[in-house]
Protein backbone atom coordinates (compact mmCIF):
# COMPACT_ATOMS: atom_id res chain seq x y z
CA UNK A 1 108.80 112.79 88.39
CA UNK A 2 109.92 116.31 89.15
CA UNK A 3 108.96 115.84 92.79
CA UNK A 4 110.84 112.55 92.92
CA UNK A 5 113.97 114.22 91.56
CA UNK A 6 113.64 117.09 94.04
CA UNK A 7 113.33 114.54 96.86
CA UNK A 8 116.65 113.00 95.67
CA UNK A 9 115.07 109.63 94.97
CA UNK A 10 116.95 107.28 92.66
CA UNK A 11 114.30 104.62 92.08
CA UNK A 12 110.54 105.21 91.96
CA UNK A 13 107.67 102.75 91.57
CA UNK A 14 104.42 103.91 89.95
CA UNK A 15 101.51 101.66 90.95
CA UNK A 16 98.15 103.13 89.93
CA UNK A 17 94.95 101.38 90.94
CA UNK A 18 93.80 98.85 88.32
CA UNK A 19 95.41 100.59 85.36
CA UNK A 20 98.74 100.73 83.52
CA UNK A 21 97.86 103.64 81.25
CA UNK A 22 100.09 106.16 83.01
CA UNK A 23 103.20 104.01 82.89
CA UNK A 24 104.30 104.95 79.39
CA UNK A 25 104.24 108.66 80.21
CA UNK A 26 105.91 107.97 83.57
CA UNK A 27 108.73 106.05 81.88
CA UNK A 28 109.50 108.98 79.58
CA UNK A 29 109.40 111.45 82.50
CA UNK A 30 111.71 109.21 84.53
CA UNK A 31 114.25 109.09 81.69
CA UNK A 32 114.22 112.88 81.46
CA UNK A 33 114.91 113.21 85.19
CA UNK A 34 117.51 110.46 85.34
CA UNK A 35 115.39 108.23 87.57
CA UNK A 36 114.91 104.47 87.44
CA UNK A 37 111.24 103.61 87.15
CA UNK A 38 109.73 100.36 88.42
CA UNK A 39 106.52 99.95 86.39
CA UNK A 40 103.66 98.49 88.37
CA UNK A 41 100.03 98.60 89.38
CA UNK A 42 97.86 97.99 92.43
CA UNK A 43 95.16 95.43 91.75
CA UNK A 44 91.86 95.41 93.63
CA UNK A 45 91.33 91.93 95.01
CA UNK A 46 89.18 90.01 97.42
CA UNK A 47 89.58 86.96 99.59
CA UNK A 48 86.29 85.69 100.95
CA UNK A 49 84.62 88.78 102.39
CA UNK A 50 87.92 90.64 102.77
CA UNK A 51 88.91 93.40 100.38
CA UNK A 52 92.61 93.85 99.79
CA UNK A 53 95.14 95.12 97.26
CA UNK A 54 97.97 93.32 95.52
CA UNK A 55 100.91 95.31 94.19
CA UNK A 56 102.51 94.20 90.95
CA UNK A 57 106.09 95.45 90.60
CA UNK A 58 108.01 95.22 87.34
CA UNK A 59 105.04 94.18 85.20
CA UNK A 60 105.05 94.49 81.42
CA UNK A 61 102.36 97.15 80.81
CA UNK A 62 101.83 95.81 77.29
CA UNK A 63 101.03 92.26 78.40
CA UNK A 64 97.91 91.22 76.48
CA UNK A 65 96.41 89.03 79.21
CA UNK A 66 96.81 91.70 81.86
CA UNK A 67 95.35 94.42 79.64
CA UNK A 68 92.28 92.30 78.81
CA UNK A 69 91.66 91.64 82.49
CA UNK A 70 92.10 95.30 83.37
CA UNK A 71 89.62 96.33 80.66
CA UNK A 72 86.96 94.10 82.20
CA UNK A 73 87.76 95.36 85.69
CA UNK A 74 87.57 99.00 84.65
CA UNK A 75 84.13 98.43 83.15
CA UNK A 76 83.04 96.75 86.39
CA UNK A 77 84.35 99.71 88.40
CA UNK A 78 82.40 102.14 86.22
CA UNK A 79 79.23 100.14 86.76
CA UNK A 80 79.87 100.15 90.49
CA UNK A 81 80.15 103.95 90.47
CA UNK A 82 76.86 104.17 88.56
CA UNK A 83 75.26 102.01 91.25
CA UNK A 84 76.74 104.17 94.03
CA UNK A 85 75.33 107.30 92.40
CA UNK A 86 71.94 105.60 92.06
CA UNK A 87 71.93 104.75 95.77
CA UNK A 88 72.94 108.29 96.65
CA UNK A 89 69.99 109.60 94.63
CA UNK A 90 67.69 107.43 96.73
CA UNK A 91 68.74 109.41 99.81
CA UNK A 92 68.42 112.76 98.06
CA UNK A 93 72.01 113.34 96.93
CA UNK A 94 72.36 114.10 93.23
CA UNK A 95 75.86 113.87 91.82
CA UNK A 96 76.95 114.02 88.19
CA UNK A 97 78.67 110.98 86.74
CA UNK A 98 80.46 113.31 84.33
CA UNK A 99 81.90 115.25 87.27
CA UNK A 100 83.07 112.06 89.00
CA UNK A 101 84.78 110.97 85.78
CA UNK A 102 86.34 114.41 85.43
CA UNK A 103 87.77 114.14 88.95
CA UNK A 104 89.08 110.65 88.17
CA UNK A 105 90.88 112.00 85.09
CA UNK A 106 92.97 109.36 83.36
CA UNK A 107 92.88 107.09 86.40
CA UNK A 108 90.46 104.26 87.07
CA UNK A 109 87.25 105.64 88.55
CA UNK A 110 86.23 104.52 92.02
CA UNK A 111 84.84 105.46 95.41
CA UNK A 112 87.58 108.00 96.27
CA UNK A 113 86.47 110.11 93.31
CA UNK A 114 82.83 109.95 94.40
CA UNK A 115 83.99 110.96 97.88
CA UNK A 116 85.81 113.99 96.53
CA UNK A 117 82.71 115.08 94.62
CA UNK A 118 80.63 114.64 97.79
CA UNK A 119 83.03 116.99 99.56
CA UNK A 120 82.97 119.41 96.65
CA UNK A 121 79.14 119.45 96.73
CA UNK A 122 79.07 120.10 100.47
CA UNK A 123 77.75 116.73 101.59
CA UNK A 124 80.86 115.93 103.63
CA UNK A 125 83.73 117.90 105.12
CA UNK A 126 86.41 115.44 104.10
CA UNK A 127 86.96 112.34 102.01
CA UNK A 128 87.14 110.33 105.22
CA UNK A 129 83.76 111.65 106.35
CA UNK A 130 82.26 110.88 102.93
CA UNK A 131 83.31 107.26 103.33
CA UNK A 132 82.03 107.01 106.90
CA UNK A 133 78.67 108.63 106.19
CA UNK A 134 77.88 107.37 102.70
CA UNK A 135 80.33 105.04 100.96
CA UNK A 136 81.60 102.63 103.60
CA UNK A 137 80.29 99.15 104.25
CA UNK A 138 77.44 100.47 106.41
CA UNK A 139 76.67 103.60 104.41
CA UNK A 140 73.52 104.12 102.33
CA UNK A 141 75.54 104.06 99.09
CA UNK A 142 77.53 100.90 99.82
CA UNK A 143 77.72 98.81 96.66
CA UNK A 144 79.16 95.35 96.00
CA UNK A 145 82.94 95.45 95.65
CA UNK A 146 84.74 94.64 92.43
CA UNK A 147 88.12 93.04 92.00
CA UNK A 148 89.88 89.77 91.33
CA UNK A 149 90.10 86.79 93.65
CA UNK A 150 93.52 87.17 95.26
CA UNK A 151 94.86 84.08 93.53
CA UNK A 152 93.81 85.53 90.14
CA UNK A 153 95.49 88.85 90.95
CA UNK A 154 98.74 87.03 91.74
CA UNK A 155 98.44 84.97 88.54
CA UNK A 156 97.89 88.06 86.39
CA UNK A 157 100.87 89.86 87.89
CA UNK A 158 103.14 86.86 87.52
CA UNK A 159 101.89 86.30 83.96
CA UNK A 160 102.89 89.87 83.12
CA UNK A 161 106.40 89.26 84.42
CA UNK A 162 105.81 91.04 87.70
CA UNK A 163 106.38 90.48 91.41
CA UNK A 164 103.22 90.14 93.55
CA UNK A 165 103.20 91.88 96.93
CA UNK A 166 100.36 92.19 99.46
CA UNK A 167 99.78 95.94 99.87
CA UNK A 168 99.59 97.71 103.27
CA UNK A 169 98.00 94.76 105.12
CA UNK A 170 97.51 96.71 108.35
CA UNK A 171 96.07 95.15 111.49
CA UNK A 172 93.18 93.48 109.68
CA UNK A 173 95.42 90.88 108.05
CA UNK A 174 97.87 90.34 110.90
CA UNK A 175 98.19 86.81 112.25
CA UNK A 176 96.35 83.87 110.73
CA UNK A 177 94.83 85.81 107.77
CA UNK A 178 98.22 86.85 106.44
CA UNK A 179 99.72 83.42 106.98
CA UNK A 180 96.83 81.95 104.96
CA UNK A 181 97.29 84.55 102.20
CA UNK A 182 100.92 83.57 101.77
CA UNK A 183 99.75 80.20 100.44
CA UNK A 184 98.68 81.93 97.23
CA UNK A 185 102.32 82.30 96.23
CA UNK A 186 102.88 86.01 96.78
CA UNK A 187 106.44 87.28 96.54
CA UNK A 188 106.36 89.82 99.35
CA UNK A 189 104.63 92.07 101.86
CA UNK A 190 104.47 95.86 101.89
CA UNK A 191 105.80 96.43 105.39
CA UNK A 192 106.55 100.17 105.30
CA UNK A 193 103.44 102.31 104.82
CA UNK A 194 101.95 105.45 106.39
CA UNK A 195 99.18 103.35 107.95
CA UNK A 196 101.68 101.05 109.70
CA UNK A 197 103.19 102.07 113.02
CA UNK A 198 106.61 100.74 113.97
CA UNK A 199 105.10 97.68 115.64
CA UNK A 200 103.19 96.62 112.52
CA UNK A 201 106.20 97.28 110.33
CA UNK A 202 108.39 95.16 112.60
CA UNK A 203 105.80 92.39 112.77
CA UNK A 204 105.47 92.09 109.00
CA UNK A 205 109.21 92.33 108.45
CA UNK A 206 109.78 89.41 110.80
CA UNK A 207 106.98 87.44 109.12
CA UNK A 208 108.42 88.15 105.66
CA UNK A 209 111.91 87.14 106.72
CA UNK A 210 110.68 83.86 108.21
CA UNK A 211 108.70 83.09 105.05
CA UNK A 212 111.56 84.03 102.73
CA UNK A 213 109.58 86.90 101.20
CA UNK A 214 110.50 90.35 99.93
CA UNK A 215 109.58 93.50 101.82
CA UNK A 216 108.59 96.74 100.13
CA UNK A 217 107.26 100.15 101.16
CA UNK A 218 106.30 103.61 100.07
CA UNK A 219 104.34 106.76 100.82
CA UNK A 220 101.24 105.75 98.81
CA UNK A 221 101.26 109.27 97.39
CA UNK A 222 98.39 109.98 94.99
CA UNK A 223 99.54 113.33 93.66
CA UNK A 224 97.03 115.49 95.54
CA UNK A 225 98.21 118.73 97.11
CA UNK A 226 96.22 118.12 100.30
CA UNK A 227 98.04 114.90 101.15
CA UNK A 228 100.13 115.18 104.30
CA UNK A 229 102.72 112.63 103.20
CA UNK A 230 104.38 113.74 100.00
CA UNK A 231 106.44 111.68 97.60
CA UNK A 232 109.74 110.71 99.18
CA UNK A 233 108.67 111.12 102.81
CA UNK A 234 108.34 107.35 103.28
CA UNK A 235 111.15 105.33 101.73
CA UNK A 236 112.96 102.01 101.97
CA UNK A 237 116.65 101.18 102.00
CA UNK A 238 118.79 100.52 98.97
CA UNK A 239 119.08 96.87 100.05
CA UNK A 240 115.29 96.47 99.87
CA UNK A 241 115.25 98.07 96.41
CA UNK A 242 118.07 95.85 95.11
CA UNK A 243 116.34 92.71 96.32
CA UNK A 244 113.14 93.78 94.60
CA UNK A 245 114.95 94.60 91.36
CA UNK A 246 116.73 91.25 91.44
CA UNK A 247 113.41 89.40 91.81
CA UNK A 248 111.92 91.45 88.98
CA UNK A 249 114.80 90.41 86.73
CA UNK A 250 114.16 86.78 87.61
CA UNK A 251 110.47 87.11 86.80
CA UNK A 252 111.20 88.75 83.46
CA UNK A 253 113.63 85.97 82.58
CA UNK A 254 110.94 83.40 83.38
CA UNK A 255 108.40 85.22 81.24
CA UNK A 256 110.83 85.43 78.34
CA UNK A 257 111.62 81.74 78.71
CA UNK A 258 107.90 80.90 78.47
CA UNK A 259 107.68 82.91 75.24
CA UNK A 260 110.70 81.17 73.69
């Protein structure tokens, strides 16, 4: 949160992959720095043979249903990493599971952490190369993906009082795929992202406006020193933030009404 304060941000969303464990610490740090925190997460999801991510903004990190689902998903992700390491061994690359878990730290373990250990061990020059040579769909260590069906991801986020947004859809989801995804009842589209050029951003903003959906954005900063885009270098307007906060309040009111 220190970086967020230095970047003069007023509102920050924390959306870790498939975990809410860092949100309690983040909330305390945000209070100390005078920032407003939007608690969230980024759920791994799939739709047919497509892999995608669904952002959940404003979720209740203590929601029992969400936490049960995340526990099962985290175990599945660990088993996937074990399988990736087994496949790497078959091509003569020996990596330590303990080291991968150490690199993952408190976050949910996954392919990016294996990629970083591959770089560390000298098997690739960059994380990108590690994915291309070993971990991608056509690599020798490709393993079946894990995640929720997209409709389940949306249901979990909504059930936890959150707002469901399709994350950084890129070119792969432009056109008919995105229009089909909107039928699952998502609340918005992440239009502003480092992987989107101005044309993609404009395209998704027009689509969102026509569909009556929210737009969101961010730098997708993961806290690593080597990242070119630091926290606060990709932002959205105050109007976008206010619309998101208003929808979050509505979702929380609906969740509270269900409890009553």
